[in-house]
N, C-alpha and C. Protein backbone atom coordinates (compact mmCIF):
# COMPACT_ATOMS: atom_id res chain seq x y z
N MET A 1 114.92 16.20 -52.62
CA MET A 1 114.54 16.30 -51.23
C MET A 1 114.96 17.65 -50.63
N GLU A 2 116.14 18.14 -51.07
CA GLU A 2 116.62 19.42 -50.56
C GLU A 2 115.64 20.54 -50.88
N ASN A 3 115.12 20.52 -52.11
CA ASN A 3 114.18 21.57 -52.52
C ASN A 3 112.91 21.55 -51.69
N VAL A 4 112.45 20.37 -51.30
CA VAL A 4 111.26 20.25 -50.46
C VAL A 4 111.52 20.87 -49.10
N LEU A 5 112.67 20.59 -48.52
CA LEU A 5 113.00 21.15 -47.20
C LEU A 5 113.18 22.67 -47.26
N ILE A 6 113.82 23.14 -48.32
CA ILE A 6 113.97 24.59 -48.49
C ILE A 6 112.59 25.23 -48.65
N GLY A 7 111.73 24.61 -49.45
CA GLY A 7 110.37 25.11 -49.63
C GLY A 7 109.60 25.14 -48.32
N TRP A 8 109.76 24.09 -47.52
CA TRP A 8 109.11 24.01 -46.21
C TRP A 8 109.52 25.20 -45.33
N ILE A 9 110.82 25.45 -45.28
CA ILE A 9 111.33 26.56 -44.46
C ILE A 9 110.81 27.90 -44.99
N LEU A 10 110.81 28.07 -46.30
CA LEU A 10 110.34 29.33 -46.87
C LEU A 10 108.85 29.55 -46.61
N ILE A 11 108.05 28.52 -46.81
CA ILE A 11 106.60 28.64 -46.58
C ILE A 11 106.31 28.94 -45.12
N LEU A 12 106.95 28.21 -44.22
CA LEU A 12 106.71 28.45 -42.80
C LEU A 12 107.25 29.80 -42.34
N SER A 13 108.30 30.27 -42.97
CA SER A 13 108.82 31.60 -42.63
C SER A 13 107.83 32.69 -43.05
N VAL A 14 107.26 32.55 -44.22
CA VAL A 14 106.24 33.51 -44.66
C VAL A 14 105.04 33.45 -43.72
N TYR A 15 104.62 32.25 -43.38
CA TYR A 15 103.49 32.06 -42.46
C TYR A 15 103.80 32.68 -41.09
N GLY A 16 105.01 32.42 -40.58
CA GLY A 16 105.41 32.98 -39.29
C GLY A 16 105.43 34.50 -39.31
N PHE A 17 105.90 35.07 -40.41
CA PHE A 17 105.93 36.52 -40.55
C PHE A 17 104.52 37.10 -40.45
N PHE A 18 103.60 36.53 -41.22
CA PHE A 18 102.23 37.04 -41.22
C PHE A 18 101.51 36.77 -39.90
N MET A 19 101.83 35.67 -39.24
CA MET A 19 101.19 35.39 -37.95
C MET A 19 101.63 36.42 -36.90
N MET A 20 102.88 36.85 -36.95
CA MET A 20 103.33 37.88 -36.01
C MET A 20 102.59 39.19 -36.28
N GLY A 21 102.41 39.53 -37.55
CA GLY A 21 101.66 40.73 -37.90
C GLY A 21 100.21 40.63 -37.48
N TYR A 22 99.61 39.48 -37.72
CA TYR A 22 98.21 39.25 -37.34
C TYR A 22 98.04 39.37 -35.83
N ASP A 23 98.93 38.73 -35.08
CA ASP A 23 98.82 38.76 -33.62
C ASP A 23 99.01 40.19 -33.10
N LYS A 24 99.91 40.95 -33.69
CA LYS A 24 100.11 42.34 -33.28
C LYS A 24 98.84 43.15 -33.53
N ARG A 25 98.24 42.97 -34.70
CA ARG A 25 97.00 43.69 -35.02
C ARG A 25 95.89 43.31 -34.05
N GLN A 26 95.79 42.02 -33.74
CA GLN A 26 94.77 41.57 -32.80
C GLN A 26 95.02 42.15 -31.40
N ALA A 27 96.28 42.23 -31.01
CA ALA A 27 96.62 42.79 -29.70
C ALA A 27 96.21 44.26 -29.61
N LYS A 28 96.43 45.00 -30.68
CA LYS A 28 96.07 46.42 -30.70
C LYS A 28 94.56 46.62 -30.71
N ASN A 29 93.83 45.71 -31.36
CA ASN A 29 92.38 45.86 -31.51
C ASN A 29 91.57 45.08 -30.47
N GLY A 30 92.24 44.40 -29.58
CA GLY A 30 91.55 43.64 -28.54
C GLY A 30 90.85 42.39 -29.05
N GLY A 31 91.34 41.84 -30.16
CA GLY A 31 90.72 40.65 -30.75
C GLY A 31 91.34 39.35 -30.26
N TRP A 32 90.93 38.25 -30.90
CA TRP A 32 91.45 36.93 -30.56
C TRP A 32 92.93 36.87 -30.88
N ARG A 33 93.73 36.45 -29.90
CA ARG A 33 95.18 36.41 -30.05
C ARG A 33 95.66 35.03 -30.44
N VAL A 34 96.77 34.99 -31.12
CA VAL A 34 97.44 33.74 -31.43
C VAL A 34 98.19 33.30 -30.17
N PRO A 35 97.96 32.09 -29.69
CA PRO A 35 98.68 31.65 -28.49
C PRO A 35 100.20 31.67 -28.71
N GLU A 36 100.94 32.06 -27.67
CA GLU A 36 102.40 32.09 -27.78
C GLU A 36 102.94 30.71 -28.16
N ARG A 37 102.30 29.69 -27.66
CA ARG A 37 102.71 28.31 -27.98
C ARG A 37 102.67 28.07 -29.49
N THR A 38 101.67 28.61 -30.17
CA THR A 38 101.54 28.47 -31.62
C THR A 38 102.65 29.23 -32.34
N LEU A 39 102.95 30.44 -31.87
CA LEU A 39 104.03 31.22 -32.48
C LEU A 39 105.35 30.48 -32.35
N TRP A 40 105.59 29.88 -31.17
CA TRP A 40 106.81 29.11 -30.97
C TRP A 40 106.85 27.88 -31.87
N LEU A 41 105.73 27.20 -31.99
CA LEU A 41 105.68 25.99 -32.82
C LEU A 41 106.02 26.31 -34.27
N ILE A 42 105.45 27.39 -34.79
CA ILE A 42 105.74 27.79 -36.17
C ILE A 42 107.24 28.04 -36.33
N ALA A 43 107.82 28.75 -35.38
CA ALA A 43 109.26 29.06 -35.44
C ALA A 43 110.10 27.80 -35.32
N LEU A 44 109.70 26.89 -34.44
CA LEU A 44 110.48 25.67 -34.21
C LEU A 44 110.49 24.71 -35.39
N ILE A 45 109.40 24.64 -36.13
CA ILE A 45 109.33 23.65 -37.21
C ILE A 45 109.77 24.22 -38.57
N GLY A 46 110.41 25.37 -38.55
CA GLY A 46 110.99 25.88 -39.79
C GLY A 46 110.69 27.33 -40.10
N GLY A 47 109.88 27.98 -39.30
CA GLY A 47 109.51 29.37 -39.58
C GLY A 47 110.26 30.40 -38.76
N GLY A 48 111.41 30.04 -38.25
CA GLY A 48 112.16 30.93 -37.38
C GLY A 48 112.57 32.24 -38.03
N ALA A 49 113.04 32.18 -39.27
CA ALA A 49 113.50 33.39 -39.95
C ALA A 49 112.35 34.37 -40.17
N GLY A 50 111.23 33.87 -40.64
CA GLY A 50 110.08 34.74 -40.87
C GLY A 50 109.48 35.25 -39.59
N SER A 51 109.44 34.41 -38.57
CA SER A 51 108.91 34.83 -37.28
C SER A 51 109.77 35.94 -36.68
N TYR A 52 111.08 35.78 -36.79
CA TYR A 52 111.98 36.82 -36.28
C TYR A 52 111.82 38.11 -37.08
N ALA A 53 111.75 37.98 -38.40
CA ALA A 53 111.56 39.17 -39.25
C ALA A 53 110.23 39.85 -38.92
N GLY A 54 109.19 39.07 -38.69
CA GLY A 54 107.89 39.62 -38.33
C GLY A 54 107.94 40.31 -36.97
N MET A 55 108.65 39.72 -36.04
CA MET A 55 108.79 40.30 -34.71
C MET A 55 109.43 41.68 -34.83
N GLN A 56 110.47 41.79 -35.63
CA GLN A 56 111.17 43.07 -35.80
C GLN A 56 110.33 44.07 -36.61
N THR A 57 109.71 43.60 -37.67
CA THR A 57 108.92 44.47 -38.54
C THR A 57 107.73 45.07 -37.82
N PHE A 58 107.00 44.23 -37.11
CA PHE A 58 105.78 44.68 -36.44
C PHE A 58 106.02 45.12 -35.00
N ARG A 59 107.28 45.03 -34.53
CA ARG A 59 107.64 45.36 -33.15
C ARG A 59 106.71 44.63 -32.17
N HIS A 60 106.66 43.33 -32.37
CA HIS A 60 105.77 42.50 -31.58
C HIS A 60 106.58 41.47 -30.81
N LYS A 61 106.36 41.38 -29.51
CA LYS A 61 107.04 40.45 -28.60
C LYS A 61 108.51 40.83 -28.41
N THR A 62 108.89 42.04 -28.77
CA THR A 62 110.29 42.43 -28.67
C THR A 62 110.75 42.68 -27.24
N LYS A 63 109.83 42.84 -26.31
CA LYS A 63 110.20 43.03 -24.91
C LYS A 63 110.37 41.70 -24.18
N HIS A 64 110.02 40.62 -24.84
CA HIS A 64 110.14 39.28 -24.25
C HIS A 64 111.51 38.71 -24.64
N THR A 65 112.38 38.58 -23.66
CA THR A 65 113.73 38.09 -23.92
C THR A 65 113.72 36.72 -24.60
N ALA A 66 112.83 35.85 -24.15
CA ALA A 66 112.77 34.50 -24.73
C ALA A 66 112.46 34.56 -26.22
N PHE A 67 111.57 35.45 -26.63
CA PHE A 67 111.25 35.59 -28.05
C PHE A 67 112.42 36.21 -28.81
N ARG A 68 113.00 37.27 -28.25
CA ARG A 68 114.11 37.94 -28.95
C ARG A 68 115.26 36.98 -29.19
N VAL A 69 115.67 36.29 -28.16
CA VAL A 69 116.83 35.39 -28.27
C VAL A 69 116.45 34.10 -29.00
N GLY A 70 115.34 33.51 -28.61
CA GLY A 70 114.92 32.24 -29.20
C GLY A 70 114.63 32.34 -30.68
N PHE A 71 113.87 33.35 -31.09
CA PHE A 71 113.55 33.50 -32.50
C PHE A 71 114.79 33.82 -33.32
N LEU A 72 115.71 34.61 -32.74
CA LEU A 72 116.96 34.89 -33.45
C LEU A 72 117.76 33.61 -33.67
N MET A 73 117.87 32.78 -32.64
CA MET A 73 118.62 31.53 -32.78
C MET A 73 117.96 30.61 -33.81
N LEU A 74 116.64 30.52 -33.77
CA LEU A 74 115.94 29.68 -34.75
C LEU A 74 116.09 30.24 -36.16
N ALA A 75 116.09 31.56 -36.29
CA ALA A 75 116.29 32.18 -37.60
C ALA A 75 117.68 31.82 -38.15
N ILE A 76 118.68 31.89 -37.29
CA ILE A 76 120.04 31.54 -37.72
C ILE A 76 120.10 30.08 -38.15
N LEU A 77 119.48 29.20 -37.39
CA LEU A 77 119.47 27.77 -37.75
C LEU A 77 118.75 27.54 -39.08
N ASP A 78 117.62 28.21 -39.28
CA ASP A 78 116.88 28.05 -40.53
C ASP A 78 117.69 28.55 -41.72
N LEU A 79 118.32 29.70 -41.57
CA LEU A 79 119.11 30.25 -42.67
C LEU A 79 120.33 29.36 -42.96
N ALA A 80 120.95 28.84 -41.92
CA ALA A 80 122.08 27.92 -42.11
C ALA A 80 121.62 26.66 -42.82
N ALA A 81 120.45 26.15 -42.47
CA ALA A 81 119.91 24.96 -43.12
C ALA A 81 119.64 25.21 -44.60
N VAL A 82 119.08 26.37 -44.93
CA VAL A 82 118.81 26.70 -46.33
C VAL A 82 120.12 26.79 -47.11
N LEU A 83 121.10 27.46 -46.55
CA LEU A 83 122.40 27.57 -47.23
C LEU A 83 123.04 26.21 -47.42
N TYR A 84 122.98 25.38 -46.41
CA TYR A 84 123.55 24.04 -46.50
C TYR A 84 122.82 23.20 -47.54
N LEU A 85 121.50 23.22 -47.49
CA LEU A 85 120.71 22.42 -48.43
C LEU A 85 120.86 22.90 -49.87
N ALA A 86 121.07 24.19 -50.03
CA ALA A 86 121.25 24.75 -51.37
C ALA A 86 122.67 24.52 -51.89
N GLY A 87 123.53 23.96 -51.03
CA GLY A 87 124.90 23.66 -51.46
C GLY A 87 125.82 24.88 -51.45
N LYS A 88 125.37 25.96 -50.85
CA LYS A 88 126.16 27.18 -50.80
C LYS A 88 127.12 27.20 -49.62
N TRP A 89 126.92 26.27 -48.70
CA TRP A 89 127.72 26.27 -47.48
C TRP A 89 127.96 24.82 -47.08
N GLN A 90 129.17 24.49 -46.82
CA GLN A 90 129.52 23.13 -46.45
C GLN A 90 130.16 23.12 -45.07
N PHE A 91 129.75 22.17 -44.25
CA PHE A 91 130.38 22.01 -42.94
C PHE A 91 131.60 21.10 -43.11
N GLY A 92 132.66 21.42 -42.38
CA GLY A 92 133.81 20.54 -42.35
C GLY A 92 134.79 20.73 -43.42
């Protein structure tokens, strides 16, 4: 079960990373944008680390305090979950 959850977080993180890049490209080209609600949903359900990395890599949504702080917190939670599930980190 742990491997499934780790896989879920990794897949959603990759997806979140690419969605941030896609949305940035669309913003520059005047195309269809990814709704902010969708970007948040991806980050909330396990893609926080990738979404944060994408935000930094593509310099997208970095002026929005809610994204900077929220995505960072979700990234920390996701990374802590992966470490815990992988048995590399124990609470208590």
